[in-house]
Structure formats: C-alpha cells, structure tokens
Amino acid sequence: MAYDLKLVDRIREYLVQFPKLKIEEKEMFRGLTFMINDKMCVSVSGENLMCRFDPVLQEEVAEKNGFQPMIMKGKEYKGYCYIHPAGFARKADFEYWVNLCLAFNEKAKSSKKKKK
C-alpha cells in the first residue's frame, strides 16, 4: 500500500524543529513510521496519520475530527488511532496530533529489540 509522501514530508519538516530527538524512519504497518528515541511515535498509513498517544486520553481524542480507532483482529487498541486527512488539514490540528504523539513518546516504553 502506498502512503502519502507529502504527509511524510510535512512530518519531517515539523520534527526538525526538535534537534534533541533521535529520529528514524521505518517502513511498517503498510506505511512509514517515525521512530523517536527508539520508540514508535507517529506513522503515515495511506493518506492517514496513525498516532500513538497516552491511552488515558482515549475518550478525549475520540471526540476529535477525523478520529478512527485502531482495530486489529476485532480488538480496539487503546492509545492508537488513525486520523483521516480532514482531522489534520489545518496546521493547528496537524501540530496537535504530532505533539500528542511526542508527549506520550517521552514516557512510552520501547518495544524489545529482536535478536538477529
């Protein structure tokens, strides 16, 4: 599945203002994921943002424009969601979502590295 390269560039351009972040890009989840400080932070999946945020905020963010819960194998994953383009078209909305992901990234646990 192809992903929105303009959205990828938009995220890149936003993240460069935070020079202390260790940023790595990985193709995963049928899109491109931005790993921040070795932890999954935000992804581009098709034309959507895929966000990782504090699960405590699930009900609050579910009210936002463009929100779609992440459901895999019939189970809703708290702390993860997709945002349709209408939900991040405005600069302020885009920054809200990326900042939400960055805020959680500081306290999120990194996944265990697989042994090669």
PDB file of N, CA and C in Angstrom:
ATOM      1  N   MET A   1       0.849  -1.186   0.000  1.00  0.00           N
ATOM      2  CA  MET A   1       0.000   0.000   0.000  1.00  0.00           C
ATOM      3  C   MET A   1       0.888   1.240   0.000  1.00  0.00           C
ATOM      4  N   ALA A   2       0.593   2.155  -0.879  1.00  0.00           N
ATOM      5  CA  ALA A   2       1.350   3.400  -0.942  1.00  0.00           C
ATOM      6  C   ALA A   2       0.915   4.319   0.198  1.00  0.00           C
ATOM      7  N   TYR A   3       1.817   5.208   0.575  1.00  0.00           N
ATOM      8  CA  TYR A   3       1.474   6.176   1.613  1.00  0.00           C
ATOM      9  C   TYR A   3       1.764   7.577   1.103  1.00  0.00           C
ATOM     10  N   ASP A   4       1.139   8.551   1.725  1.00  0.00           N
ATOM     11  CA  ASP A   4       1.170   9.947   1.296  1.00  0.00           C
ATOM     12  C   ASP A   4       2.545  10.571   1.554  1.00  0.00           C
ATOM     13  N   LEU A   5       3.299  10.762   0.492  1.00  0.00           N
ATOM     14  CA  LEU A   5       4.658  11.306   0.624  1.00  0.00           C
ATOM     15  C   LEU A   5       4.648  12.774   1.060  1.00  0.00           C
ATOM     16  N   LYS A   6       3.615  13.509   0.693  1.00  0.00           N
ATOM     17  CA  LYS A   6       3.518  14.908   1.137  1.00  0.00           C
ATOM     18  C   LYS A   6       3.299  14.967   2.649  1.00  0.00           C
ATOM     19  N   LEU A   7       2.522  14.045   3.163  1.00  0.00           N
ATOM     20  CA  LEU A   7       2.308  13.986   4.612  1.00  0.00           C
ATOM     21  C   LEU A   7       3.595  13.574   5.322  1.00  0.00           C
ATOM     22  N   VAL A   8       4.326  12.648   4.742  1.00  0.00           N
ATOM     23  CA  VAL A   8       5.632  12.252   5.299  1.00  0.00           C
ATOM     24  C   VAL A   8       6.538  13.473   5.382  1.00  0.00           C
ATOM     25  N   ASP A   9       6.611  14.247   4.297  1.00  0.00           N
ATOM     26  CA  ASP A   9       7.457  15.455   4.293  1.00  0.00           C
ATOM     27  C   ASP A   9       6.974  16.473   5.318  1.00  0.00           C
ATOM     28  N   ARG A  10       5.683  16.574   5.476  1.00  0.00           N
ATOM     29  CA  ARG A  10       5.118  17.520   6.459  1.00  0.00           C
ATOM     30  C   ARG A  10       5.570  17.137   7.876  1.00  0.00           C
ATOM     31  N   ILE A  11       5.567  15.858   8.178  1.00  0.00           N
ATOM     32  CA  ILE A  11       6.025  15.399   9.492  1.00  0.00           C
ATOM     33  C   ILE A  11       7.520  15.648   9.642  1.00  0.00           C
ATOM     34  N   ARG A  12       8.291  15.304   8.628  1.00  0.00           N
ATOM     35  CA  ARG A  12       9.749  15.542   8.672  1.00  0.00           C
ATOM     36  C   ARG A  12      10.047  17.010   8.968  1.00  0.00           C
ATOM     37  N   GLU A  13       9.385  17.897   8.223  1.00  0.00           N
ATOM     38  CA  GLU A  13       9.616  19.334   8.385  1.00  0.00           C
ATOM     39  C   GLU A  13       9.238  19.808   9.784  1.00  0.00           C
ATOM     40  N   TYR A  14       8.211  19.216  10.350  1.00  0.00           N
ATOM     41  CA  TYR A  14       7.798  19.602  11.704  1.00  0.00           C
ATOM     42  C   TYR A  14       8.790  19.103  12.748  1.00  0.00           C
ATOM     43  N   LEU A  15       9.256  17.877  12.592  1.00  0.00           N
ATOM     44  CA  LEU A  15      10.129  17.276  13.600  1.00  0.00           C
ATOM     45  C   LEU A  15      11.532  17.894  13.655  1.00  0.00           C
ATOM     46  N   VAL A  16      11.990  18.500  12.571  1.00  0.00           N
ATOM     47  CA  VAL A  16      13.346  19.068  12.579  1.00  0.00           C
ATOM     48  C   VAL A  16      13.494  20.220  13.572  1.00  0.00           C
ATOM     49  N   GLN A  17      12.385  20.791  14.012  1.00  0.00           N
ATOM     50  CA  GLN A  17      12.483  21.883  14.989  1.00  0.00           C
ATOM     51  C   GLN A  17      12.835  21.370  16.389  1.00  0.00           C
ATOM     52  N   PHE A  18      12.901  20.056  16.557  1.00  0.00           N
ATOM     53  CA  PHE A  18      13.240  19.446  17.843  1.00  0.00           C
ATOM     54  C   PHE A  18      14.587  18.735  17.697  1.00  0.00           C
ATOM     55  N   PRO A  19      15.695  19.478  17.772  1.00  0.00           N
ATOM     56  CA  PRO A  19      17.006  18.898  17.466  1.00  0.00           C
ATOM     57  C   PRO A  19      17.472  17.794  18.410  1.00  0.00           C
ATOM     58  N   LYS A  20      16.890  17.690  19.578  1.00  0.00           N
ATOM     59  CA  LYS A  20      17.343  16.664  20.523  1.00  0.00           C
ATOM     60  C   LYS A  20      16.704  15.305  20.281  1.00  0.00           C
ATOM     61  N   LEU A  21      15.756  15.236  19.363  1.00  0.00           N
ATOM     62  CA  LEU A  21      15.097  13.964  19.082  1.00  0.00           C
ATOM     63  C   LEU A  21      15.967  13.090  18.189  1.00  0.00           C
ATOM     64  N   LYS A  22      16.018  11.823  18.525  1.00  0.00           N
ATOM     65  CA  LYS A  22      16.659  10.849  17.641  1.00  0.00           C
ATOM     66  C   LYS A  22      15.541  10.294  16.757  1.00  0.00           C
ATOM     67  N   ILE A  23      15.579  10.654  15.474  1.00  0.00           N
ATOM     68  CA  ILE A  23      14.502  10.306  14.552  1.00  0.00           C
ATOM     69  C   ILE A  23      14.984   9.240  13.573  1.00  0.00           C
ATOM     70  N   GLU A  24      14.190   8.191  13.457  1.00  0.00           N
ATOM     71  CA  GLU A  24      14.474   7.133  12.491  1.00  0.00           C
ATOM     72  C   GLU A  24      13.166   6.828  11.768  1.00  0.00           C
ATOM     73  N   GLU A  25      13.248   6.588  10.483  1.00  0.00           N
ATOM     74  CA  GLU A  25      12.070   6.245   9.697  1.00  0.00           C
ATOM     75  C   GLU A  25      12.129   4.772   9.322  1.00  0.00           C
ATOM     76  N   LYS A  26      10.996   4.087   9.498  1.00  0.00           N
ATOM     77  CA  LYS A  26      10.917   2.660   9.182  1.00  0.00           C
ATOM     78  C   LYS A  26       9.635   2.378   8.425  1.00  0.00           C
ATOM     79  N   GLU A  27       9.745   1.591   7.380  1.00  0.00           N
ATOM     80  CA  GLU A  27       8.539   1.156   6.692  1.00  0.00           C
ATOM     81  C   GLU A  27       7.941   0.008   7.486  1.00  0.00           C
ATOM     82  N   MET A  28       6.734   0.225   7.986  1.00  0.00           N
ATOM     83  CA  MET A  28       5.999  -0.778   8.739  1.00  0.00           C
ATOM     84  C   MET A  28       4.528  -0.392   8.801  1.00  0.00           C
ATOM     85  N   PHE A  29       3.671  -1.295   9.177  1.00  0.00           N
ATOM     86  CA  PHE A  29       2.223  -1.046   9.236  1.00  0.00           C
ATOM     87  C   PHE A  29       1.701  -0.527   7.897  1.00  0.00           C
ATOM     88  N   ARG A  30       2.206  -1.069   6.811  1.00  0.00           N
ATOM     89  CA  ARG A  30       1.816  -0.664   5.463  1.00  0.00           C
ATOM     90  C   ARG A  30       1.974   0.836   5.252  1.00  0.00           C
ATOM     91  N   GLY A  31       2.988   1.405   5.875  1.00  0.00           N
ATOM     92  CA  GLY A  31       3.244   2.828   5.735  1.00  0.00           C
ATOM     93  C   GLY A  31       4.644   3.157   6.203  1.00  0.00           C
ATOM     94  N   LEU A  32       4.837   4.397   6.610  1.00  0.00           N
ATOM     95  CA  LEU A  32       6.131   4.848   7.111  1.00  0.00           C
ATOM     96  C   LEU A  32       5.958   5.320   8.545  1.00  0.00           C
ATOM     97  N   THR A  33       6.754   4.743   9.429  1.00  0.00           N
ATOM     98  CA  THR A  33       6.680   5.067  10.857  1.00  0.00           C
ATOM     99  C   THR A  33       7.874   5.911  11.256  1.00  0.00           C
ATOM    100  N   PHE A  34       7.603   6.931  12.043  1.00  0.00           N
ATOM    101  CA  PHE A  34       8.657   7.756  12.621  1.00  0.00           C
ATOM    102  C   PHE A  34       8.933   7.225  14.018  1.00  0.00           C
ATOM    103  N   MET A  35      10.114   6.659  14.168  1.00  0.00           N
ATOM    104  CA  MET A  35      10.581   6.180  15.465  1.00  0.00           C
ATOM    105  C   MET A  35      11.299   7.357  16.115  1.00  0.00           C
ATOM    106  N   ILE A  36      10.888   7.712  17.308  1.00  0.00           N
ATOM    107  CA  ILE A  36      11.514   8.812  18.035  1.00  0.00           C
ATOM    108  C   ILE A  36      12.154   8.212  19.283  1.00  0.00           C
ATOM    109  N   ASN A  37      13.466   8.426  19.402  1.00  0.00           N
ATOM    110  CA  ASN A  37      14.222   7.886  20.538  1.00  0.00           C
ATOM    111  C   ASN A  37      13.952   6.385  20.700  1.00  0.00           C
ATOM    112  N   ASP A  38      13.995   5.675  19.577  1.00  0.00           N
ATOM    113  CA  ASP A  38      13.831   4.212  19.506  1.00  0.00           C
ATOM    114  C   ASP A  38      12.430   3.722  19.860  1.00  0.00           C
ATOM    115  N   LYS A  39      11.430   4.601  19.807  1.00  0.00           N
ATOM    116  CA  LYS A  39      10.053   4.198  20.108  1.00  0.00           C
ATOM    117  C   LYS A  39       9.125   4.662  18.985  1.00  0.00           C
ATOM    118  N   MET A  40       8.162   3.817  18.633  1.00  0.00           N
ATOM    119  CA  MET A  40       7.196   4.204  17.631  1.00  0.00           C
ATOM    120  C   MET A  40       6.433   5.438  18.102  1.00  0.00           C
ATOM    121  N   CYS A  41       6.348   6.437  17.248  1.00  0.00           N
ATOM    122  CA  CYS A  41       5.697   7.685  17.647  1.00  0.00           C
ATOM    123  C   CYS A  41       4.478   7.987  16.783  1.00  0.00           C
ATOM    124  N   VAL A  42       4.706   8.213  15.501  1.00  0.00           N
ATOM    125  CA  VAL A  42       3.624   8.578  14.580  1.00  0.00           C
ATOM    126  C   VAL A  42       3.942   7.947  13.229  1.00  0.00           C
ATOM    127  N   SER A  43       2.891   7.584  12.496  1.00  0.00           N
ATOM    128  CA  SER A  43       3.074   6.932  11.203  1.00  0.00           C
ATOM    129  C   SER A  43       2.188   7.568  10.156  1.00  0.00           C
ATOM    130  N   VAL A  44       2.556   7.324   8.913  1.00  0.00           N
ATOM    131  CA  VAL A  44       1.706   7.662   7.785  1.00  0.00           C
ATOM    132  C   VAL A  44       1.266   6.337   7.185  1.00  0.00           C
ATOM    133  N   SER A  45      -0.033   6.141   7.146  1.00  0.00           N
ATOM    134  CA  SER A  45      -0.612   4.907   6.615  1.00  0.00           C
ATOM    135  C   SER A  45      -1.617   5.300   5.549  1.00  0.00           C
ATOM    136  N   GLY A  46      -1.269   5.077   4.299  1.00  0.00           N
ATOM    137  CA  GLY A  46      -2.112   5.572   3.208  1.00  0.00           C
ATOM    138  C   GLY A  46      -2.125   7.084   3.238  1.00  0.00           C
ATOM    139  N   GLU A  47      -3.308   7.661   3.374  1.00  0.00           N
ATOM    140  CA  GLU A  47      -3.415   9.117   3.475  1.00  0.00           C
ATOM    141  C   GLU A  47      -3.659   9.564   4.918  1.00  0.00           C
ATOM    142  N   ASN A  48      -3.642   8.620   5.833  1.00  0.00           N
ATOM    143  CA  ASN A  48      -3.958   8.897   7.235  1.00  0.00           C
ATOM    144  C   ASN A  48      -2.714   8.998   8.108  1.00  0.00           C
ATOM    145  N   LEU A  49      -2.876   9.721   9.218  1.00  0.00           N
ATOM    146  CA  LEU A  49      -1.895   9.665  10.296  1.00  0.00           C
ATOM    147  C   LEU A  49      -2.264   8.475  11.170  1.00  0.00           C
ATOM    148  N   MET A  50      -1.278   7.772  11.666  1.00  0.00           N
ATOM    149  CA  MET A  50      -1.531   6.769  12.691  1.00  0.00           C
ATOM    150  C   MET A  50      -0.782   7.278  13.916  1.00  0.00           C
ATOM    151  N   CYS A  51      -1.514   7.504  14.989  1.00  0.00           N
ATOM    152  CA  CYS A  51      -0.952   8.136  16.174  1.00  0.00           C
ATOM    153  C   CYS A  51      -0.852   7.161  17.338  1.00  0.00           C
ATOM    154  N   ARG A  52       0.215   7.305  18.109  1.00  0.00           N
ATOM    155  CA  ARG A  52       0.389   6.591  19.363  1.00  0.00           C
ATOM    156  C   ARG A  52       0.356   7.650  20.457  1.00  0.00           C
ATOM    157  N   PHE A  53      -0.581   7.498  21.388  1.00  0.00           N
ATOM    158  CA  PHE A  53      -0.777   8.524  22.416  1.00  0.00           C
ATOM    159  C   PHE A  53      -1.080   7.853  23.745  1.00  0.00           C
ATOM    160  N   ASP A  54      -1.136   8.648  24.788  1.00  0.00           N
ATOM    161  CA  ASP A  54      -1.427   8.128  26.119  1.00  0.00           C
ATOM    162  C   ASP A  54      -2.837   7.534  26.133  1.00  0.00           C
ATOM    163  N   PRO A  55      -2.967   6.231  26.435  1.00  0.00           N
ATOM    164  CA  PRO A  55      -4.285   5.598  26.438  1.00  0.00           C
ATOM    165  C   PRO A  55      -5.288   6.249  27.389  1.00  0.00           C
ATOM    166  N   VAL A  56      -4.812   6.953  28.395  1.00  0.00           N
ATOM    167  CA  VAL A  56      -5.696   7.659  29.330  1.00  0.00           C
ATOM    168  C   VAL A  56      -6.529   8.712  28.586  1.00  0.00           C
ATOM    169  N   LEU A  57      -6.018   9.193  27.466  1.00  0.00           N
ATOM    170  CA  LEU A  57      -6.684  10.249  26.697  1.00  0.00           C
ATOM    171  C   LEU A  57      -7.636   9.716  25.623  1.00  0.00           C
ATOM    172  N   GLN A  58      -7.869   8.414  25.591  1.00  0.00           N
ATOM    173  CA  GLN A  58      -8.657   7.790  24.531  1.00  0.00           C
ATOM    174  C   GLN A  58     -10.013   8.472  24.320  1.00  0.00           C
ATOM    175  N   GLU A  59     -10.776   8.663  25.374  1.00  0.00           N
ATOM    176  CA  GLU A  59     -12.112   9.266  25.225  1.00  0.00           C
ATOM    177  C   GLU A  59     -12.028  10.697  24.719  1.00  0.00           C
ATOM    178  N   GLU A  60     -11.046  11.443  25.216  1.00  0.00           N
ATOM    179  CA  GLU A  60     -10.879  12.839  24.793  1.00  0.00           C
ATOM    180  C   GLU A  60     -10.544  12.933  23.309  1.00  0.00           C
ATOM    181  N   VAL A  61      -9.583  12.160  22.847  1.00  0.00           N
ATOM    182  CA  VAL A  61      -9.172  12.263  21.444  1.00  0.00           C
ATOM    183  C   VAL A  61     -10.204  11.648  20.508  1.00  0.00           C
ATOM    184  N   ALA A  62     -11.009  10.721  21.006  1.00  0.00           N
ATOM    185  CA  ALA A  62     -12.044  10.101  20.177  1.00  0.00           C
ATOM    186  C   ALA A  62     -13.080  11.120  19.707  1.00  0.00           C
ATOM    187  N   GLU A  63     -13.169  12.257  20.397  1.00  0.00           N
ATOM    188  CA  GLU A  63     -14.117  13.312  20.027  1.00  0.00           C
ATOM    189  C   GLU A  63     -13.582  14.218  18.917  1.00  0.00           C
ATOM    190  N   LYS A  64     -12.314  14.087  18.593  1.00  0.00           N
ATOM    191  CA  LYS A  64     -11.680  14.976  17.612  1.00  0.00           C
ATOM    192  C   LYS A  64     -12.088  14.606  16.184  1.00  0.00           C
ATOM    193  N   ASN A  65     -12.112  15.617  15.333  1.00  0.00           N
ATOM    194  CA  ASN A  65     -12.431  15.438  13.919  1.00  0.00           C
ATOM    195  C   ASN A  65     -11.415  14.498  13.259  1.00  0.00           C
ATOM    196  N   GLY A  66     -11.910  13.547  12.494  1.00  0.00           N
ATOM    197  CA  GLY A  66     -11.037  12.646  11.747  1.00  0.00           C
ATOM    198  C   GLY A  66     -10.629  11.390  12.487  1.00  0.00           C
ATOM    199  N   PHE A  67     -10.964  11.287  13.770  1.00  0.00           N
ATOM    200  CA  PHE A  67     -10.538  10.148  14.596  1.00  0.00           C
ATOM    201  C   PHE A  67     -11.190   8.842  14.146  1.00  0.00           C
ATOM    202  N   GLN A  68     -10.376   7.813  14.079  1.00  0.00           N
ATOM    203  CA  GLN A  68     -10.873   6.454  13.857  1.00  0.00           C
ATOM    204  C   GLN A  68     -10.063   5.535  14.768  1.00  0.00           C
ATOM    205  N   PRO A  69     -10.721   4.733  15.594  1.00  0.00           N
ATOM    206  CA  PRO A  69      -9.967   3.848  16.480  1.00  0.00           C
ATOM    207  C   PRO A  69      -9.180   2.820  15.686  1.00  0.00           C
ATOM    208  N   MET A  70      -8.085   2.356  16.255  1.00  0.00           N
ATOM    209  CA  MET A  70      -7.320   1.292  15.621  1.00  0.00           C
ATOM    210  C   MET A  70      -7.894  -0.037  16.095  1.00  0.00           C
ATOM    211  N   ILE A  71      -8.341  -0.814  15.145  1.00  0.00           N
ATOM    212  CA  ILE A  71      -8.917  -2.120  15.465  1.00  0.00           C
ATOM    213  C   ILE A  71      -8.160  -3.170  14.659  1.00  0.00           C
ATOM    214  N   MET A  72      -7.604  -4.132  15.365  1.00  0.00           N
ATOM    215  CA  MET A  72      -6.914  -5.243  14.719  1.00  0.00           C
ATOM    216  C   MET A  72      -7.447  -6.541  15.300  1.00  0.00           C
ATOM    217  N   LYS A  73      -7.783  -7.460  14.402  1.00  0.00           N
ATOM    218  CA  LYS A  73      -8.330  -8.759  14.800  1.00  0.00           C
ATOM    219  C   LYS A  73      -9.530  -8.594  15.729  1.00  0.00           C
ATOM    220  N   GLY A  74     -10.347  -7.574  15.444  1.00  0.00           N
ATOM    221  CA  GLY A  74     -11.563  -7.345  16.211  1.00  0.00           C
ATOM    222  C   GLY A  74     -11.373  -6.663  17.552  1.00  0.00           C
ATOM    223  N   LYS A  75     -10.150  -6.289  17.881  1.00  0.00           N
ATOM    224  CA  LYS A  75      -9.861  -5.670  19.177  1.00  0.00           C
ATOM    225  C   LYS A  75      -9.426  -4.219  18.981  1.00  0.00           C
ATOM    226  N   GLU A  76     -10.025  -3.312  19.769  1.00  0.00           N
ATOM    227  CA  GLU A  76      -9.624  -1.902  19.717  1.00  0.00           C
ATOM    228  C   GLU A  76      -8.363  -1.715  20.553  1.00  0.00           C
ATOM    229  N   TYR A  77      -7.381  -1.071  19.957  1.00  0.00           N
ATOM    230  CA  TYR A  77      -6.120  -0.802  20.647  1.00  0.00           C
ATOM    231  C   TYR A  77      -6.161   0.595  21.241  1.00  0.00           C
ATOM    232  N   LYS A  78      -6.254   0.666  22.547  1.00  0.00           N
ATOM    233  CA  LYS A  78      -6.258   1.958  23.246  1.00  0.00           C
ATOM    234  C   LYS A  78      -4.876   2.596  23.102  1.00  0.00           C
ATOM    235  N   GLY A  79      -4.870   3.890  22.873  1.00  0.00           N
ATOM    236  CA  GLY A  79      -3.609   4.612  22.727  1.00  0.00           C
ATOM    237  C   GLY A  79      -3.078   4.639  21.303  1.00  0.00           C
ATOM    238  N   TYR A  80      -3.861   4.111  20.377  1.00  0.00           N
ATOM    239  CA  TYR A  80      -3.514   4.143  18.957  1.00  0.00           C
ATOM    240  C   TYR A  80      -4.763   4.543  18.182  1.00  0.00           C
ATOM    241  N   CYS A  81      -4.574   5.312  17.121  1.00  0.00           N
ATOM    242  CA  CYS A  81      -5.718   5.671  16.282  1.00  0.00           C
ATOM    243  C   CYS A  81      -5.230   6.093  14.907  1.00  0.00           C
ATOM    244  N   TYR A  82      -6.172   6.141  13.993  1.00  0.00           N
ATOM    245  CA  TYR A  82      -5.948   6.723  12.671  1.00  0.00           C
ATOM    246  C   TYR A  82      -6.663   8.060  12.645  1.00  0.00           C
ATOM    247  N   ILE A  83      -6.082   9.009  11.934  1.00  0.00           N
ATOM    248  CA  ILE A  83      -6.709  10.314  11.741  1.00  0.00           C
ATOM    249  C   ILE A  83      -6.846  10.528  10.236  1.00  0.00           C
ATOM    250  N   HIS A  84      -8.080  10.715   9.797  1.00  0.00           N
ATOM    251  CA  HIS A  84      -8.338  10.989   8.393  1.00  0.00           C
ATOM    252  C   HIS A  84      -7.850  12.398   8.054  1.00  0.00           C
ATOM    253  N   PRO A  85      -7.520  12.659   6.781  1.00  0.00           N
ATOM    254  CA  PRO A  85      -6.970  13.964   6.383  1.00  0.00           C
ATOM    255  C   PRO A  85      -7.750  15.183   6.865  1.00  0.00           C
ATOM    256  N   ALA A  86      -9.061  15.095   6.934  1.00  0.00           N
ATOM    257  CA  ALA A  86      -9.854  16.246   7.404  1.00  0.00           C
ATOM    258  C   ALA A  86      -9.500  16.607   8.848  1.00  0.00           C
ATOM    259  N   GLY A  87      -8.999  15.649   9.603  1.00  0.00           N
ATOM    260  CA  GLY A  87      -8.667  15.871  11.005  1.00  0.00           C
ATOM    261  C   GLY A  87      -7.310  16.531  11.233  1.00  0.00           C
ATOM    262  N   PHE A  88      -6.499  16.637  10.179  1.00  0.00           N
ATOM    263  CA  PHE A  88      -5.198  17.300  10.348  1.00  0.00           C
ATOM    264  C   PHE A  88      -4.887  18.262   9.206  1.00  0.00           C
ATOM    265  N   ALA A  89      -5.912  18.649   8.450  1.00  0.00           N
ATOM    266  CA  ALA A  89      -5.713  19.565   7.320  1.00  0.00           C
ATOM    267  C   ALA A  89      -5.199  20.932   7.790  1.00  0.00           C
ATOM    268  N   ARG A  90      -5.777  21.430   8.876  1.00  0.00           N
ATOM    269  CA  ARG A  90      -5.330  22.719   9.423  1.00  0.00           C
ATOM    270  C   ARG A  90      -4.012  22.533  10.163  1.00  0.00           C
ATOM    271  N   LYS A  91      -3.144  23.523  10.074  1.00  0.00           N
ATOM    272  CA  LYS A  91      -1.834  23.484  10.732  1.00  0.00           C
ATOM    273  C   LYS A  91      -1.970  23.200  12.228  1.00  0.00           C
ATOM    274  N   ALA A  92      -2.901  23.872  12.889  1.00  0.00           N
ATOM    275  CA  ALA A  92      -3.085  23.696  14.335  1.00  0.00           C
ATOM    276  C   ALA A  92      -3.502  22.265  14.674  1.00  0.00           C
ATOM    277  N   ASP A  93      -4.342  21.673  13.843  1.00  0.00           N
ATOM    278  CA  ASP A  93      -4.782  20.290  14.082  1.00  0.00           C
ATOM    279  C   ASP A  93      -3.629  19.308  13.854  1.00  0.00           C
ATOM    280  N   PHE A  94      -2.881  19.528  12.777  1.00  0.00           N
ATOM    281  CA  PHE A  94      -1.715  18.690  12.496  1.00  0.00           C
ATOM    282  C   PHE A  94      -0.733  18.730  13.668  1.00  0.00           C
ATOM    283  N   GLU A  95      -0.427  19.928  14.149  1.00  0.00           N
ATOM    284  CA  GLU A  95       0.505  20.078  15.263  1.00  0.00           C
ATOM    285  C   GLU A  95      -0.053  19.449  16.545  1.00  0.00           C
ATOM    286  N   TYR A  96      -1.367  19.538  16.755  1.00  0.00           N
ATOM    287  CA  TYR A  96      -1.978  18.904  17.925  1.00  0.00           C
ATOM    288  C   TYR A  96      -1.661  17.415  17.931  1.00  0.00           C
ATOM    289  N   TRP A  97      -1.903  16.742  16.794  1.00  0.00           N
ATOM    290  CA  TRP A  97      -1.708  15.290  16.747  1.00  0.00           C
ATOM    291  C   TRP A  97      -0.245  14.897  16.908  1.00  0.00           C
ATOM    292  N   VAL A  98       0.637  15.587  16.206  1.00  0.00           N
ATOM    293  CA  VAL A  98       2.056  15.233  16.318  1.00  0.00           C
ATOM    294  C   VAL A  98       2.565  15.528  17.729  1.00  0.00           C
ATOM    295  N   ASN A  99       2.153  16.649  18.301  1.00  0.00           N
ATOM    296  CA  ASN A  99       2.566  16.968  19.676  1.00  0.00           C
ATOM    297  C   ASN A  99       2.010  15.966  20.684  1.00  0.00           C
ATOM    298  N   LEU A 100       0.794  15.494  20.456  1.00  0.00           N
ATOM    299  CA  LEU A 100       0.205  14.468  21.317  1.00  0.00           C
ATOM    300  C   LEU A 100       1.072  13.204  21.298  1.00  0.00           C
ATOM    301  N   CYS A 101       1.506  12.826  20.112  1.00  0.00           N
ATOM    302  CA  CYS A 101       2.371  11.647  19.969  1.00  0.00           C
ATOM    303  C   CYS A 101       3.731  11.874  20.617  1.00  0.00           C
ATOM    304  N   LEU A 102       4.301  13.047  20.421  1.00  0.00           N
ATOM    305  CA  LEU A 102       5.609  13.358  21.013  1.00  0.00           C
ATOM    306  C   LEU A 102       5.538  13.374  22.537  1.00  0.00           C
ATOM    307  N   ALA A 103       4.449  13.897  23.079  1.00  0.00           N
ATOM    308  CA  ALA A 103       4.296  13.962  24.536  1.00  0.00           C
ATOM    309  C   ALA A 103       4.269  12.560  25.131  1.00  0.00           C
ATOM    310  N   PHE A 104       3.551  11.647  24.489  1.00  0.00           N
ATOM    311  CA  PHE A 104       3.495  10.283  25.008  1.00  0.00           C
ATOM    312  C   PHE A 104       4.813   9.556  24.796  1.00  0.00           C
ATOM    313  N   ASN A 105       5.499   9.887  23.719  1.00  0.00           N
ATOM    314  CA  ASN A 105       6.764   9.221  23.412  1.00  0.00           C
ATOM    315  C   ASN A 105       7.770   9.349  24.549  1.00  0.00           C
ATOM    316  N   GLU A 106       7.728  10.476  25.249  1.00  0.00           N
ATOM    317  CA  GLU A 106       8.668  10.692  26.353  1.00  0.00           C
ATOM    318  C   GLU A 106       8.500   9.662  27.462  1.00  0.00           C
ATOM    319  N   LYS A 107       7.267   9.180  27.680  1.00  0.00           N
ATOM    320  CA  LYS A 107       7.044   8.233  28.766  1.00  0.00           C
ATOM    321  C   LYS A 107       6.711   6.818  28.293  1.00  0.00           C
ATOM    322  N   ALA A 108       6.571   6.640  26.991  1.00  0.00           N
ATOM    323  CA  ALA A 108       6.253   5.320  26.445  1.00  0.00           C
ATOM    324  C   ALA A 108       7.432   4.371  26.607  1.00  0.00           C
ATOM    325  N   LYS A 109       7.106   3.110  26.758  1.00  0.00           N
ATOM    326  CA  LYS A 109       8.144   2.093  26.828  1.00  0.00           C
ATOM    327  C   LYS A 109       8.501   1.680  25.413  1.00  0.00           C
ATOM    328  N   SER A 110       9.789   1.455  25.184  1.00  0.00           N
ATOM    329  CA  SER A 110      10.188   0.997  23.866  1.00  0.00           C
ATOM    330  C   SER A 110       9.981  -0.501  23.778  1.00  0.00           C
ATOM    331  N   SER A 111       9.694  -0.954  22.572  1.00  0.00           N
ATOM    332  CA  SER A 111       9.500  -2.392  22.393  1.00  0.00           C
ATOM    333  C   SER A 111      10.861  -3.077  22.439  1.00  0.00           C
ATOM    334  N   LYS A 112      10.838  -4.331  22.804  1.00  0.00           N
ATOM    335  CA  LYS A 112      12.077  -5.092  22.909  1.00  0.00           C
ATOM    336  C   LYS A 112      12.669  -5.300  21.524  1.00  0.00           C
ATOM    337  N   LYS A 113      13.974  -5.154  21.436  1.00  0.00           N
ATOM    338  CA  LYS A 113      14.671  -5.363  20.180  1.00  0.00           C
ATOM    339  C   LYS A 113      14.736  -6.863  19.896  1.00  0.00           C
ATOM    340  N   LYS A 114      14.501  -7.223  18.649  1.00  0.00           N
ATOM    341  CA  LYS A 114      14.597  -8.615  18.264  1.00  0.00           C
ATOM    342  C   LYS A 114      16.055  -8.976  18.026  1.00  0.00           C
ATOM    343  N   LYS A 115      16.434 -10.160  18.495  1.00  0.00           N
ATOM    344  CA  LYS A 115      17.799 -10.616  18.296  1.00  0.00           C
ATOM    345  C   LYS A 115      17.961 -11.094  16.861  1.00  0.00           C
ATOM    346  N   LYS A 116      19.081 -10.760  16.277  1.00  0.00           N
ATOM    347  CA  LYS A 116      19.342 -11.156  14.889  1.00  0.00           C
ATOM    348  C   LYS A 116      20.011 -12.495  14.833  1.00  0.00           C
TER     349      LYS A 116
END
